[in-house]
Each structure stands twice: as structure tokens, then as C-alpha cells.
PDBML (XML) file of the C-alpha atoms, coordinates in Angstrom:
<?xml version="1.0" encoding="UTF-8" ?>
<PDBx:datablock datablockName="MODEL"
   xmlns:PDBx="http://pdbml.pdb.org/schema/pdbx-v50.xsd"
   xmlns:xsi="http://www.w3.org/2001/XMLSchema-instance"
   xsi:schemaLocation="http://pdbml.pdb.org/schema/pdbx-v50.xsd pdbx-v50.xsd">
   <PDBx:atom_siteCategory>
      <PDBx:atom_site id="1">
         <PDBx:B_iso_or_equiv>0.00</PDBx:B_iso_or_equiv>
         <PDBx:Cartn_x>0.000</PDBx:Cartn_x>
         <PDBx:Cartn_y>0.000</PDBx:Cartn_y>
         <PDBx:Cartn_z>0.000</PDBx:Cartn_z>
         <PDBx:auth_asym_id>A</PDBx:auth_asym_id>
         <PDBx:auth_atom_id>CA</PDBx:auth_atom_id>
         <PDBx:auth_comp_id>LYS</PDBx:auth_comp_id>
         <PDBx:auth_seq_id>1</PDBx:auth_seq_id>
         <PDBx:group_PDB>ATOM</PDBx:group_PDB>
         <PDBx:label_alt_id xsi:nil="true" />
         <PDBx:label_asym_id>A</PDBx:label_asym_id>
         <PDBx:label_atom_id>CA</PDBx:label_atom_id>
         <PDBx:label_comp_id>LYS</PDBx:label_comp_id>
         <PDBx:label_entity_id>1</PDBx:label_entity_id>
         <PDBx:label_seq_id>1</PDBx:label_seq_id>
         <PDBx:occupancy>1.00</PDBx:occupancy>
         <PDBx:pdbx_PDB_model_num>1</PDBx:pdbx_PDB_model_num>
         <PDBx:type_symbol>C</PDBx:type_symbol>
      </PDBx:atom_site>
      <PDBx:atom_site id="2">
         <PDBx:B_iso_or_equiv>0.00</PDBx:B_iso_or_equiv>
         <PDBx:Cartn_x>0.972</PDBx:Cartn_x>
         <PDBx:Cartn_y>3.635</PDBx:Cartn_y>
         <PDBx:Cartn_z>-0.398</PDBx:Cartn_z>
         <PDBx:auth_asym_id>A</PDBx:auth_asym_id>
         <PDBx:auth_atom_id>CA</PDBx:auth_atom_id>
         <PDBx:auth_comp_id>GLU</PDBx:auth_comp_id>
         <PDBx:auth_seq_id>2</PDBx:auth_seq_id>
         <PDBx:group_PDB>ATOM</PDBx:group_PDB>
         <PDBx:label_alt_id xsi:nil="true" />
         <PDBx:label_asym_id>A</PDBx:label_asym_id>
         <PDBx:label_atom_id>CA</PDBx:label_atom_id>
         <PDBx:label_comp_id>GLU</PDBx:label_comp_id>
         <PDBx:label_entity_id>1</PDBx:label_entity_id>
         <PDBx:label_seq_id>2</PDBx:label_seq_id>
         <PDBx:occupancy>1.00</PDBx:occupancy>
         <PDBx:pdbx_PDB_model_num>1</PDBx:pdbx_PDB_model_num>
         <PDBx:type_symbol>C</PDBx:type_symbol>
      </PDBx:atom_site>
      <PDBx:atom_site id="3">
         <PDBx:B_iso_or_equiv>0.00</PDBx:B_iso_or_equiv>
         <PDBx:Cartn_x>2.193</PDBx:Cartn_x>
         <PDBx:Cartn_y>5.686</PDBx:Cartn_y>
         <PDBx:Cartn_z>2.533</PDBx:Cartn_z>
         <PDBx:auth_asym_id>A</PDBx:auth_asym_id>
         <PDBx:auth_atom_id>CA</PDBx:auth_atom_id>
         <PDBx:auth_comp_id>ARG</PDBx:auth_comp_id>
         <PDBx:auth_seq_id>3</PDBx:auth_seq_id>
         <PDBx:group_PDB>ATOM</PDBx:group_PDB>
         <PDBx:label_alt_id xsi:nil="true" />
         <PDBx:label_asym_id>A</PDBx:label_asym_id>
         <PDBx:label_atom_id>CA</PDBx:label_atom_id>
         <PDBx:label_comp_id>ARG</PDBx:label_comp_id>
         <PDBx:label_entity_id>1</PDBx:label_entity_id>
         <PDBx:label_seq_id>3</PDBx:label_seq_id>
         <PDBx:occupancy>1.00</PDBx:occupancy>
         <PDBx:pdbx_PDB_model_num>1</PDBx:pdbx_PDB_model_num>
         <PDBx:type_symbol>C</PDBx:type_symbol>
      </PDBx:atom_site>
      <PDBx:atom_site id="4">
         <PDBx:B_iso_or_equiv>0.00</PDBx:B_iso_or_equiv>
         <PDBx:Cartn_x>-0.748</PDBx:Cartn_x>
         <PDBx:Cartn_y>7.431</PDBx:Cartn_y>
         <PDBx:Cartn_z>4.178</PDBx:Cartn_z>
         <PDBx:auth_asym_id>A</PDBx:auth_asym_id>
         <PDBx:auth_atom_id>CA</PDBx:auth_atom_id>
         <PDBx:auth_comp_id>GLU</PDBx:auth_comp_id>
         <PDBx:auth_seq_id>4</PDBx:auth_seq_id>
         <PDBx:group_PDB>ATOM</PDBx:group_PDB>
         <PDBx:label_alt_id xsi:nil="true" />
         <PDBx:label_asym_id>A</PDBx:label_asym_id>
         <PDBx:label_atom_id>CA</PDBx:label_atom_id>
         <PDBx:label_comp_id>GLU</PDBx:label_comp_id>
         <PDBx:label_entity_id>1</PDBx:label_entity_id>
         <PDBx:label_seq_id>4</PDBx:label_seq_id>
         <PDBx:occupancy>1.00</PDBx:occupancy>
         <PDBx:pdbx_PDB_model_num>1</PDBx:pdbx_PDB_model_num>
         <PDBx:type_symbol>C</PDBx:type_symbol>
      </PDBx:atom_site>
      <PDBx:atom_site id="5">
         <PDBx:B_iso_or_equiv>0.00</PDBx:B_iso_or_equiv>
         <PDBx:Cartn_x>-1.076</PDBx:Cartn_x>
         <PDBx:Cartn_y>10.260</PDBx:Cartn_y>
         <PDBx:Cartn_z>6.641</PDBx:Cartn_z>
         <PDBx:auth_asym_id>A</PDBx:auth_asym_id>
         <PDBx:auth_atom_id>CA</PDBx:auth_atom_id>
         <PDBx:auth_comp_id>GLY</PDBx:auth_comp_id>
         <PDBx:auth_seq_id>5</PDBx:auth_seq_id>
         <PDBx:group_PDB>ATOM</PDBx:group_PDB>
         <PDBx:label_alt_id xsi:nil="true" />
         <PDBx:label_asym_id>A</PDBx:label_asym_id>
         <PDBx:label_atom_id>CA</PDBx:label_atom_id>
         <PDBx:label_comp_id>GLY</PDBx:label_comp_id>
         <PDBx:label_entity_id>1</PDBx:label_entity_id>
         <PDBx:label_seq_id>5</PDBx:label_seq_id>
         <PDBx:occupancy>1.00</PDBx:occupancy>
         <PDBx:pdbx_PDB_model_num>1</PDBx:pdbx_PDB_model_num>
         <PDBx:type_symbol>C</PDBx:type_symbol>
      </PDBx:atom_site>
      <PDBx:atom_site id="6">
         <PDBx:B_iso_or_equiv>0.00</PDBx:B_iso_or_equiv>
         <PDBx:Cartn_x>-2.285</PDBx:Cartn_x>
         <PDBx:Cartn_y>9.132</PDBx:Cartn_y>
         <PDBx:Cartn_z>10.052</PDBx:Cartn_z>
         <PDBx:auth_asym_id>A</PDBx:auth_asym_id>
         <PDBx:auth_atom_id>CA</PDBx:auth_atom_id>
         <PDBx:auth_comp_id>VAL</PDBx:auth_comp_id>
         <PDBx:auth_seq_id>6</PDBx:auth_seq_id>
         <PDBx:group_PDB>ATOM</PDBx:group_PDB>
         <PDBx:label_alt_id xsi:nil="true" />
         <PDBx:label_asym_id>A</PDBx:label_asym_id>
         <PDBx:label_atom_id>CA</PDBx:label_atom_id>
         <PDBx:label_comp_id>VAL</PDBx:label_comp_id>
         <PDBx:label_entity_id>1</PDBx:label_entity_id>
         <PDBx:label_seq_id>6</PDBx:label_seq_id>
         <PDBx:occupancy>1.00</PDBx:occupancy>
         <PDBx:pdbx_PDB_model_num>1</PDBx:pdbx_PDB_model_num>
         <PDBx:type_symbol>C</PDBx:type_symbol>
      </PDBx:atom_site>
      <PDBx:atom_site id="7">
         <PDBx:B_iso_or_equiv>0.00</PDBx:B_iso_or_equiv>
         <PDBx:Cartn_x>-2.178</PDBx:Cartn_x>
         <PDBx:Cartn_y>12.394</PDBx:Cartn_y>
         <PDBx:Cartn_z>11.962</PDBx:Cartn_z>
         <PDBx:auth_asym_id>A</PDBx:auth_asym_id>
         <PDBx:auth_atom_id>CA</PDBx:auth_atom_id>
         <PDBx:auth_comp_id>SER</PDBx:auth_comp_id>
         <PDBx:auth_seq_id>7</PDBx:auth_seq_id>
         <PDBx:group_PDB>ATOM</PDBx:group_PDB>
         <PDBx:label_alt_id xsi:nil="true" />
         <PDBx:label_asym_id>A</PDBx:label_asym_id>
         <PDBx:label_atom_id>CA</PDBx:label_atom_id>
         <PDBx:label_comp_id>SER</PDBx:label_comp_id>
         <PDBx:label_entity_id>1</PDBx:label_entity_id>
         <PDBx:label_seq_id>7</PDBx:label_seq_id>
         <PDBx:occupancy>1.00</PDBx:occupancy>
         <PDBx:pdbx_PDB_model_num>1</PDBx:pdbx_PDB_model_num>
         <PDBx:type_symbol>C</PDBx:type_symbol>
      </PDBx:atom_site>
      <PDBx:atom_site id="8">
         <PDBx:B_iso_or_equiv>0.00</PDBx:B_iso_or_equiv>
         <PDBx:Cartn_x>-0.535</PDBx:Cartn_x>
         <PDBx:Cartn_y>15.793</PDBx:Cartn_y>
         <PDBx:Cartn_z>11.746</PDBx:Cartn_z>
         <PDBx:auth_asym_id>A</PDBx:auth_asym_id>
         <PDBx:auth_atom_id>CA</PDBx:auth_atom_id>
         <PDBx:auth_comp_id>CYS</PDBx:auth_comp_id>
         <PDBx:auth_seq_id>8</PDBx:auth_seq_id>
         <PDBx:group_PDB>ATOM</PDBx:group_PDB>
         <PDBx:label_alt_id xsi:nil="true" />
         <PDBx:label_asym_id>A</PDBx:label_asym_id>
         <PDBx:label_atom_id>CA</PDBx:label_atom_id>
         <PDBx:label_comp_id>CYS</PDBx:label_comp_id>
         <PDBx:label_entity_id>1</PDBx:label_entity_id>
         <PDBx:label_seq_id>8</PDBx:label_seq_id>
         <PDBx:occupancy>1.00</PDBx:occupancy>
         <PDBx:pdbx_PDB_model_num>1</PDBx:pdbx_PDB_model_num>
         <PDBx:type_symbol>C</PDBx:type_symbol>
      </PDBx:atom_site>
      <PDBx:atom_site id="9">
         <PDBx:B_iso_or_equiv>0.00</PDBx:B_iso_or_equiv>
         <PDBx:Cartn_x>-0.154</PDBx:Cartn_x>
         <PDBx:Cartn_y>18.702</PDBx:Cartn_y>
         <PDBx:Cartn_z>14.139</PDBx:Cartn_z>
         <PDBx:auth_asym_id>A</PDBx:auth_asym_id>
         <PDBx:auth_atom_id>CA</PDBx:auth_atom_id>
         <PDBx:auth_comp_id>ILE</PDBx:auth_comp_id>
         <PDBx:auth_seq_id>9</PDBx:auth_seq_id>
         <PDBx:group_PDB>ATOM</PDBx:group_PDB>
         <PDBx:label_alt_id xsi:nil="true" />
         <PDBx:label_asym_id>A</PDBx:label_asym_id>
         <PDBx:label_atom_id>CA</PDBx:label_atom_id>
         <PDBx:label_comp_id>ILE</PDBx:label_comp_id>
         <PDBx:label_entity_id>1</PDBx:label_entity_id>
         <PDBx:label_seq_id>9</PDBx:label_seq_id>
         <PDBx:occupancy>1.00</PDBx:occupancy>
         <PDBx:pdbx_PDB_model_num>1</PDBx:pdbx_PDB_model_num>
         <PDBx:type_symbol>C</PDBx:type_symbol>
      </PDBx:atom_site>
      <PDBx:atom_site id="10">
         <PDBx:B_iso_or_equiv>0.00</PDBx:B_iso_or_equiv>
         <PDBx:Cartn_x>0.658</PDBx:Cartn_x>
         <PDBx:Cartn_y>22.382</PDBx:Cartn_y>
         <PDBx:Cartn_z>13.844</PDBx:Cartn_z>
         <PDBx:auth_asym_id>A</PDBx:auth_asym_id>
         <PDBx:auth_atom_id>CA</PDBx:auth_atom_id>
         <PDBx:auth_comp_id>SER</PDBx:auth_comp_id>
         <PDBx:auth_seq_id>10</PDBx:auth_seq_id>
         <PDBx:group_PDB>ATOM</PDBx:group_PDB>
         <PDBx:label_alt_id xsi:nil="true" />
         <PDBx:label_asym_id>A</PDBx:label_asym_id>
         <PDBx:label_atom_id>CA</PDBx:label_atom_id>
         <PDBx:label_comp_id>SER</PDBx:label_comp_id>
         <PDBx:label_entity_id>1</PDBx:label_entity_id>
         <PDBx:label_seq_id>10</PDBx:label_seq_id>
         <PDBx:occupancy>1.00</PDBx:occupancy>
         <PDBx:pdbx_PDB_model_num>1</PDBx:pdbx_PDB_model_num>
         <PDBx:type_symbol>C</PDBx:type_symbol>
      </PDBx:atom_site>
      <PDBx:atom_site id="11">
         <PDBx:B_iso_or_equiv>0.00</PDBx:B_iso_or_equiv>
         <PDBx:Cartn_x>3.737</PDBx:Cartn_x>
         <PDBx:Cartn_y>24.072</PDBx:Cartn_y>
         <PDBx:Cartn_z>15.283</PDBx:Cartn_z>
         <PDBx:auth_asym_id>A</PDBx:auth_asym_id>
         <PDBx:auth_atom_id>CA</PDBx:auth_atom_id>
         <PDBx:auth_comp_id>ARG</PDBx:auth_comp_id>
         <PDBx:auth_seq_id>11</PDBx:auth_seq_id>
         <PDBx:group_PDB>ATOM</PDBx:group_PDB>
         <PDBx:label_alt_id xsi:nil="true" />
         <PDBx:label_asym_id>A</PDBx:label_asym_id>
         <PDBx:label_atom_id>CA</PDBx:label_atom_id>
         <PDBx:label_comp_id>ARG</PDBx:label_comp_id>
         <PDBx:label_entity_id>1</PDBx:label_entity_id>
         <PDBx:label_seq_id>11</PDBx:label_seq_id>
         <PDBx:occupancy>1.00</PDBx:occupancy>
         <PDBx:pdbx_PDB_model_num>1</PDBx:pdbx_PDB_model_num>
         <PDBx:type_symbol>C</PDBx:type_symbol>
      </PDBx:atom_site>
      <PDBx:atom_site id="12">
         <PDBx:B_iso_or_equiv>0.00</PDBx:B_iso_or_equiv>
         <PDBx:Cartn_x>1.823</PDBx:Cartn_x>
         <PDBx:Cartn_y>25.286</PDBx:Cartn_y>
         <PDBx:Cartn_z>18.328</PDBx:Cartn_z>
         <PDBx:auth_asym_id>A</PDBx:auth_asym_id>
         <PDBx:auth_atom_id>CA</PDBx:auth_atom_id>
         <PDBx:auth_comp_id>SER</PDBx:auth_comp_id>
         <PDBx:auth_seq_id>12</PDBx:auth_seq_id>
         <PDBx:group_PDB>ATOM</PDBx:group_PDB>
         <PDBx:label_alt_id xsi:nil="true" />
         <PDBx:label_asym_id>A</PDBx:label_asym_id>
         <PDBx:label_atom_id>CA</PDBx:label_atom_id>
         <PDBx:label_comp_id>SER</PDBx:label_comp_id>
         <PDBx:label_entity_id>1</PDBx:label_entity_id>
         <PDBx:label_seq_id>12</PDBx:label_seq_id>
         <PDBx:occupancy>1.00</PDBx:occupancy>
         <PDBx:pdbx_PDB_model_num>1</PDBx:pdbx_PDB_model_num>
         <PDBx:type_symbol>C</PDBx:type_symbol>
      </PDBx:atom_site>
      <PDBx:atom_site id="13">
         <PDBx:B_iso_or_equiv>0.00</PDBx:B_iso_or_equiv>
         <PDBx:Cartn_x>-0.028</PDBx:Cartn_x>
         <PDBx:Cartn_y>22.033</PDBx:Cartn_y>
         <PDBx:Cartn_z>18.833</PDBx:Cartn_z>
         <PDBx:auth_asym_id>A</PDBx:auth_asym_id>
         <PDBx:auth_atom_id>CA</PDBx:auth_atom_id>
         <PDBx:auth_comp_id>GLY</PDBx:auth_comp_id>
         <PDBx:auth_seq_id>13</PDBx:auth_seq_id>
         <PDBx:group_PDB>ATOM</PDBx:group_PDB>
         <PDBx:label_alt_id xsi:nil="true" />
         <PDBx:label_asym_id>A</PDBx:label_asym_id>
         <PDBx:label_atom_id>CA</PDBx:label_atom_id>
         <PDBx:label_comp_id>GLY</PDBx:label_comp_id>
         <PDBx:label_entity_id>1</PDBx:label_entity_id>
         <PDBx:label_seq_id>13</PDBx:label_seq_id>
         <PDBx:occupancy>1.00</PDBx:occupancy>
         <PDBx:pdbx_PDB_model_num>1</PDBx:pdbx_PDB_model_num>
         <PDBx:type_symbol>C</PDBx:type_symbol>
      </PDBx:atom_site>
      <PDBx:atom_site id="14">
         <PDBx:B_iso_or_equiv>0.00</PDBx:B_iso_or_equiv>
         <PDBx:Cartn_x>-3.390</PDBx:Cartn_x>
         <PDBx:Cartn_y>23.771</PDBx:Cartn_y>
         <PDBx:Cartn_z>18.679</PDBx:Cartn_z>
         <PDBx:auth_asym_id>A</PDBx:auth_asym_id>
         <PDBx:auth_atom_id>CA</PDBx:auth_atom_id>
         <PDBx:auth_comp_id>ARG</PDBx:auth_comp_id>
         <PDBx:auth_seq_id>14</PDBx:auth_seq_id>
         <PDBx:group_PDB>ATOM</PDBx:group_PDB>
         <PDBx:label_alt_id xsi:nil="true" />
         <PDBx:label_asym_id>A</PDBx:label_asym_id>
         <PDBx:label_atom_id>CA</PDBx:label_atom_id>
         <PDBx:label_comp_id>ARG</PDBx:label_comp_id>
         <PDBx:label_entity_id>1</PDBx:label_entity_id>
         <PDBx:label_seq_id>14</PDBx:label_seq_id>
         <PDBx:occupancy>1.00</PDBx:occupancy>
         <PDBx:pdbx_PDB_model_num>1</PDBx:pdbx_PDB_model_num>
         <PDBx:type_symbol>C</PDBx:type_symbol>
      </PDBx:atom_site>
      <PDBx:atom_site id="15">
         <PDBx:B_iso_or_equiv>0.00</PDBx:B_iso_or_equiv>
         <PDBx:Cartn_x>-4.414</PDBx:Cartn_x>
         <PDBx:Cartn_y>22.325</PDBx:Cartn_y>
         <PDBx:Cartn_z>15.307</PDBx:Cartn_z>
         <PDBx:auth_asym_id>A</PDBx:auth_asym_id>
         <PDBx:auth_atom_id>CA</PDBx:auth_atom_id>
         <PDBx:auth_comp_id>THR</PDBx:auth_comp_id>
         <PDBx:auth_seq_id>15</PDBx:auth_seq_id>
         <PDBx:group_PDB>ATOM</PDBx:group_PDB>
         <PDBx:label_alt_id xsi:nil="true" />
         <PDBx:label_asym_id>A</PDBx:label_asym_id>
         <PDBx:label_atom_id>CA</PDBx:label_atom_id>
         <PDBx:label_comp_id>THR</PDBx:label_comp_id>
         <PDBx:label_entity_id>1</PDBx:label_entity_id>
         <PDBx:label_seq_id>15</PDBx:label_seq_id>
         <PDBx:occupancy>1.00</PDBx:occupancy>
         <PDBx:pdbx_PDB_model_num>1</PDBx:pdbx_PDB_model_num>
         <PDBx:type_symbol>C</PDBx:type_symbol>
      </PDBx:atom_site>
      <PDBx:atom_site id="16">
         <PDBx:B_iso_or_equiv>0.00</PDBx:B_iso_or_equiv>
         <PDBx:Cartn_x>-4.532</PDBx:Cartn_x>
         <PDBx:Cartn_y>18.620</PDBx:Cartn_y>
         <PDBx:Cartn_z>14.587</PDBx:Cartn_z>
         <PDBx:auth_asym_id>A</PDBx:auth_asym_id>
         <PDBx:auth_atom_id>CA</PDBx:auth_atom_id>
         <PDBx:auth_comp_id>THR</PDBx:auth_comp_id>
         <PDBx:auth_seq_id>16</PDBx:auth_seq_id>
         <PDBx:group_PDB>ATOM</PDBx:group_PDB>
         <PDBx:label_alt_id xsi:nil="true" />
         <PDBx:label_asym_id>A</PDBx:label_asym_id>
         <PDBx:label_atom_id>CA</PDBx:label_atom_id>
         <PDBx:label_comp_id>THR</PDBx:label_comp_id>
         <PDBx:label_entity_id>1</PDBx:label_entity_id>
         <PDBx:label_seq_id>16</PDBx:label_seq_id>
         <PDBx:occupancy>1.00</PDBx:occupancy>
         <PDBx:pdbx_PDB_model_num>1</PDBx:pdbx_PDB_model_num>
         <PDBx:type_symbol>C</PDBx:type_symbol>
      </PDBx:atom_site>
      <PDBx:atom_site id="17">
         <PDBx:B_iso_or_equiv>0.00</PDBx:B_iso_or_equiv>
         <PDBx:Cartn_x>-5.729</PDBx:Cartn_x>
         <PDBx:Cartn_y>16.403</PDBx:Cartn_y>
         <PDBx:Cartn_z>11.769</PDBx:Cartn_z>
         <PDBx:auth_asym_id>A</PDBx:auth_asym_id>
         <PDBx:auth_atom_id>CA</PDBx:auth_atom_id>
         <PDBx:auth_comp_id>ASN</PDBx:auth_comp_id>
         <PDBx:auth_seq_id>17</PDBx:auth_seq_id>
         <PDBx:group_PDB>ATOM</PDBx:group_PDB>
         <PDBx:label_alt_id xsi:nil="true" />
         <PDBx:label_asym_id>A</PDBx:label_asym_id>
         <PDBx:label_atom_id>CA</PDBx:label_atom_id>
         <PDBx:label_comp_id>ASN</PDBx:label_comp_id>
         <PDBx:label_entity_id>1</PDBx:label_entity_id>
         <PDBx:label_seq_id>17</PDBx:label_seq_id>
         <PDBx:occupancy>1.00</PDBx:occupancy>
         <PDBx:pdbx_PDB_model_num>1</PDBx:pdbx_PDB_model_num>
         <PDBx:type_symbol>C</PDBx:type_symbol>
      </PDBx:atom_site>
      <PDBx:atom_site id="18">
         <PDBx:B_iso_or_equiv>0.00</PDBx:B_iso_or_equiv>
         <PDBx:Cartn_x>-6.569</PDBx:Cartn_x>
         <PDBx:Cartn_y>12.706</PDBx:Cartn_y>
         <PDBx:Cartn_z>11.781</PDBx:Cartn_z>
         <PDBx:auth_asym_id>A</PDBx:auth_asym_id>
         <PDBx:auth_atom_id>CA</PDBx:auth_atom_id>
         <PDBx:auth_comp_id>TYR</PDBx:auth_comp_id>
         <PDBx:auth_seq_id>18</PDBx:auth_seq_id>
         <PDBx:group_PDB>ATOM</PDBx:group_PDB>
         <PDBx:label_alt_id xsi:nil="true" />
         <PDBx:label_asym_id>A</PDBx:label_asym_id>
         <PDBx:label_atom_id>CA</PDBx:label_atom_id>
         <PDBx:label_comp_id>TYR</PDBx:label_comp_id>
         <PDBx:label_entity_id>1</PDBx:label_entity_id>
         <PDBx:label_seq_id>18</PDBx:label_seq_id>
         <PDBx:occupancy>1.00</PDBx:occupancy>
         <PDBx:pdbx_PDB_model_num>1</PDBx:pdbx_PDB_model_num>
         <PDBx:type_symbol>C</PDBx:type_symbol>
      </PDBx:atom_site>
      <PDBx:atom_site id="19">
         <PDBx:B_iso_or_equiv>0.00</PDBx:B_iso_or_equiv>
         <PDBx:Cartn_x>-7.319</PDBx:Cartn_x>
         <PDBx:Cartn_y>10.150</PDBx:Cartn_y>
         <PDBx:Cartn_z>9.118</PDBx:Cartn_z>
         <PDBx:auth_asym_id>A</PDBx:auth_asym_id>
         <PDBx:auth_atom_id>CA</PDBx:auth_atom_id>
         <PDBx:auth_comp_id>ALA</PDBx:auth_comp_id>
         <PDBx:auth_seq_id>19</PDBx:auth_seq_id>
         <PDBx:group_PDB>ATOM</PDBx:group_PDB>
         <PDBx:label_alt_id xsi:nil="true" />
         <PDBx:label_asym_id>A</PDBx:label_asym_id>
         <PDBx:label_atom_id>CA</PDBx:label_atom_id>
         <PDBx:label_comp_id>ALA</PDBx:label_comp_id>
         <PDBx:label_entity_id>1</PDBx:label_entity_id>
         <PDBx:label_seq_id>19</PDBx:label_seq_id>
         <PDBx:occupancy>1.00</PDBx:occupancy>
         <PDBx:pdbx_PDB_model_num>1</PDBx:pdbx_PDB_model_num>
         <PDBx:type_symbol>C</PDBx:type_symbol>
      </PDBx:atom_site>
      <PDBx:atom_site id="20">
         <PDBx:B_iso_or_equiv>0.00</PDBx:B_iso_or_equiv>
         <PDBx:Cartn_x>-10.923</PDBx:Cartn_x>
         <PDBx:Cartn_y>9.008</PDBx:Cartn_y>
         <PDBx:Cartn_z>9.346</PDBx:Cartn_z>
         <PDBx:auth_asym_id>A</PDBx:auth_asym_id>
         <PDBx:auth_atom_id>CA</PDBx:auth_atom_id>
         <PDBx:auth_comp_id>ASP</PDBx:auth_comp_id>
         <PDBx:auth_seq_id>20</PDBx:auth_seq_id>
         <PDBx:group_PDB>ATOM</PDBx:group_PDB>
         <PDBx:label_alt_id xsi:nil="true" />
         <PDBx:label_asym_id>A</PDBx:label_asym_id>
         <PDBx:label_atom_id>CA</PDBx:label_atom_id>
         <PDBx:label_comp_id>ASP</PDBx:label_comp_id>
         <PDBx:label_entity_id>1</PDBx:label_entity_id>
         <PDBx:label_seq_id>20</PDBx:label_seq_id>
         <PDBx:occupancy>1.00</PDBx:occupancy>
         <PDBx:pdbx_PDB_model_num>1</PDBx:pdbx_PDB_model_num>
         <PDBx:type_symbol>C</PDBx:type_symbol>
      </PDBx:atom_site>
      <PDBx:atom_site id="21">
         <PDBx:B_iso_or_equiv>0.00</PDBx:B_iso_or_equiv>
         <PDBx:Cartn_x>-9.770</PDBx:Cartn_x>
         <PDBx:Cartn_y>5.472</PDBx:Cartn_y>
         <PDBx:Cartn_z>10.100</PDBx:Cartn_z>
         <PDBx:auth_asym_id>A</PDBx:auth_asym_id>
         <PDBx:auth_atom_id>CA</PDBx:auth_atom_id>
         <PDBx:auth_comp_id>SER</PDBx:auth_comp_id>
         <PDBx:auth_seq_id>21</PDBx:auth_seq_id>
         <PDBx:group_PDB>ATOM</PDBx:group_PDB>
         <PDBx:label_alt_id xsi:nil="true" />
         <PDBx:label_asym_id>A</PDBx:label_asym_id>
         <PDBx:label_atom_id>CA</PDBx:label_atom_id>
         <PDBx:label_comp_id>SER</PDBx:label_comp_id>
         <PDBx:label_entity_id>1</PDBx:label_entity_id>
         <PDBx:label_seq_id>21</PDBx:label_seq_id>
         <PDBx:occupancy>1.00</PDBx:occupancy>
         <PDBx:pdbx_PDB_model_num>1</PDBx:pdbx_PDB_model_num>
         <PDBx:type_symbol>C</PDBx:type_symbol>
      </PDBx:atom_site>
      <PDBx:atom_site id="22">
         <PDBx:B_iso_or_equiv>0.00</PDBx:B_iso_or_equiv>
         <PDBx:Cartn_x>-8.074</PDBx:Cartn_x>
         <PDBx:Cartn_y>6.514</PDBx:Cartn_y>
         <PDBx:Cartn_z>13.358</PDBx:Cartn_z>
         <PDBx:auth_asym_id>A</PDBx:auth_asym_id>
         <PDBx:auth_atom_id>CA</PDBx:auth_atom_id>
         <PDBx:auth_comp_id>VAL</PDBx:auth_comp_id>
         <PDBx:auth_seq_id>22</PDBx:auth_seq_id>
         <PDBx:group_PDB>ATOM</PDBx:group_PDB>
         <PDBx:label_alt_id xsi:nil="true" />
         <PDBx:label_asym_id>A</PDBx:label_asym_id>
         <PDBx:label_atom_id>CA</PDBx:label_atom_id>
         <PDBx:label_comp_id>VAL</PDBx:label_comp_id>
         <PDBx:label_entity_id>1</PDBx:label_entity_id>
         <PDBx:label_seq_id>22</PDBx:label_seq_id>
         <PDBx:occupancy>1.00</PDBx:occupancy>
         <PDBx:pdbx_PDB_model_num>1</PDBx:pdbx_PDB_model_num>
         <PDBx:type_symbol>C</PDBx:type_symbol>
      </PDBx:atom_site>
      <PDBx:atom_site id="23">
         <PDBx:B_iso_or_equiv>0.00</PDBx:B_iso_or_equiv>
         <PDBx:Cartn_x>-10.307</PDBx:Cartn_x>
         <PDBx:Cartn_y>9.330</PDBx:Cartn_y>
         <PDBx:Cartn_z>14.646</PDBx:Cartn_z>
         <PDBx:auth_asym_id>A</PDBx:auth_asym_id>
         <PDBx:auth_atom_id>CA</PDBx:auth_atom_id>
         <PDBx:auth_comp_id>LYS</PDBx:auth_comp_id>
         <PDBx:auth_seq_id>23</PDBx:auth_seq_id>
         <PDBx:group_PDB>ATOM</PDBx:group_PDB>
         <PDBx:label_alt_id xsi:nil="true" />
         <PDBx:label_asym_id>A</PDBx:label_asym_id>
         <PDBx:label_atom_id>CA</PDBx:label_atom_id>
         <PDBx:label_comp_id>LYS</PDBx:label_comp_id>
         <PDBx:label_entity_id>1</PDBx:label_entity_id>
         <PDBx:label_seq_id>23</PDBx:label_seq_id>
         <PDBx:occupancy>1.00</PDBx:occupancy>
         <PDBx:pdbx_PDB_model_num>1</PDBx:pdbx_PDB_model_num>
         <PDBx:type_symbol>C</PDBx:type_symbol>
      </PDBx:atom_site>
      <PDBx:atom_site id="24">
         <PDBx:B_iso_or_equiv>0.00</PDBx:B_iso_or_equiv>
         <PDBx:Cartn_x>-11.313</PDBx:Cartn_x>
         <PDBx:Cartn_y>8.764</PDBx:Cartn_y>
         <PDBx:Cartn_z>18.242</PDBx:Cartn_z>
         <PDBx:auth_asym_id>A</PDBx:auth_asym_id>
         <PDBx:auth_atom_id>CA</PDBx:auth_atom_id>
         <PDBx:auth_comp_id>GLY</PDBx:auth_comp_id>
         <PDBx:auth_seq_id>24</PDBx:auth_seq_id>
         <PDBx:group_PDB>ATOM</PDBx:group_PDB>
         <PDBx:label_alt_id xsi:nil="true" />
         <PDBx:label_asym_id>A</PDBx:label_asym_id>
         <PDBx:label_atom_id>CA</PDBx:label_atom_id>
         <PDBx:label_comp_id>GLY</PDBx:label_comp_id>
         <PDBx:label_entity_id>1</PDBx:label_entity_id>
         <PDBx:label_seq_id>24</PDBx:label_seq_id>
         <PDBx:occupancy>1.00</PDBx:occupancy>
         <PDBx:pdbx_PDB_model_num>1</PDBx:pdbx_PDB_model_num>
         <PDBx:type_symbol>C</PDBx:type_symbol>
      </PDBx:atom_site>
      <PDBx:atom_site id="25">
         <PDBx:B_iso_or_equiv>0.00</PDBx:B_iso_or_equiv>
         <PDBx:Cartn_x>-8.617</PDBx:Cartn_x>
         <PDBx:Cartn_y>6.119</PDBx:Cartn_y>
         <PDBx:Cartn_z>18.741</PDBx:Cartn_z>
         <PDBx:auth_asym_id>A</PDBx:auth_asym_id>
         <PDBx:auth_atom_id>CA</PDBx:auth_atom_id>
         <PDBx:auth_comp_id>ARG</PDBx:auth_comp_id>
         <PDBx:auth_seq_id>25</PDBx:auth_seq_id>
         <PDBx:group_PDB>ATOM</PDBx:group_PDB>
         <PDBx:label_alt_id xsi:nil="true" />
         <PDBx:label_asym_id>A</PDBx:label_asym_id>
         <PDBx:label_atom_id>CA</PDBx:label_atom_id>
         <PDBx:label_comp_id>ARG</PDBx:label_comp_id>
         <PDBx:label_entity_id>1</PDBx:label_entity_id>
         <PDBx:label_seq_id>25</PDBx:label_seq_id>
         <PDBx:occupancy>1.00</PDBx:occupancy>
         <PDBx:pdbx_PDB_model_num>1</PDBx:pdbx_PDB_model_num>
         <PDBx:type_symbol>C</PDBx:type_symbol>
      </PDBx:atom_site>
   </PDBx:atom_siteCategory>
</PDBx:datablock>
């Protein structure tokens, strides 16, 4: 499989992003 983004975070830590498959976990 291709490399996929799991989660990312801003420099301050205030903004985050999660792949749908891992949200809440």
C-alpha cells in the first residue's frame, strides 16, 4: 500500500488532523 497520513499537528499544537480510520482512537 501507499504511505498514508495518520495524523498531523501544527507548530503550536493547537491544530490537529486525523485520518478518518483513526479518529477517536
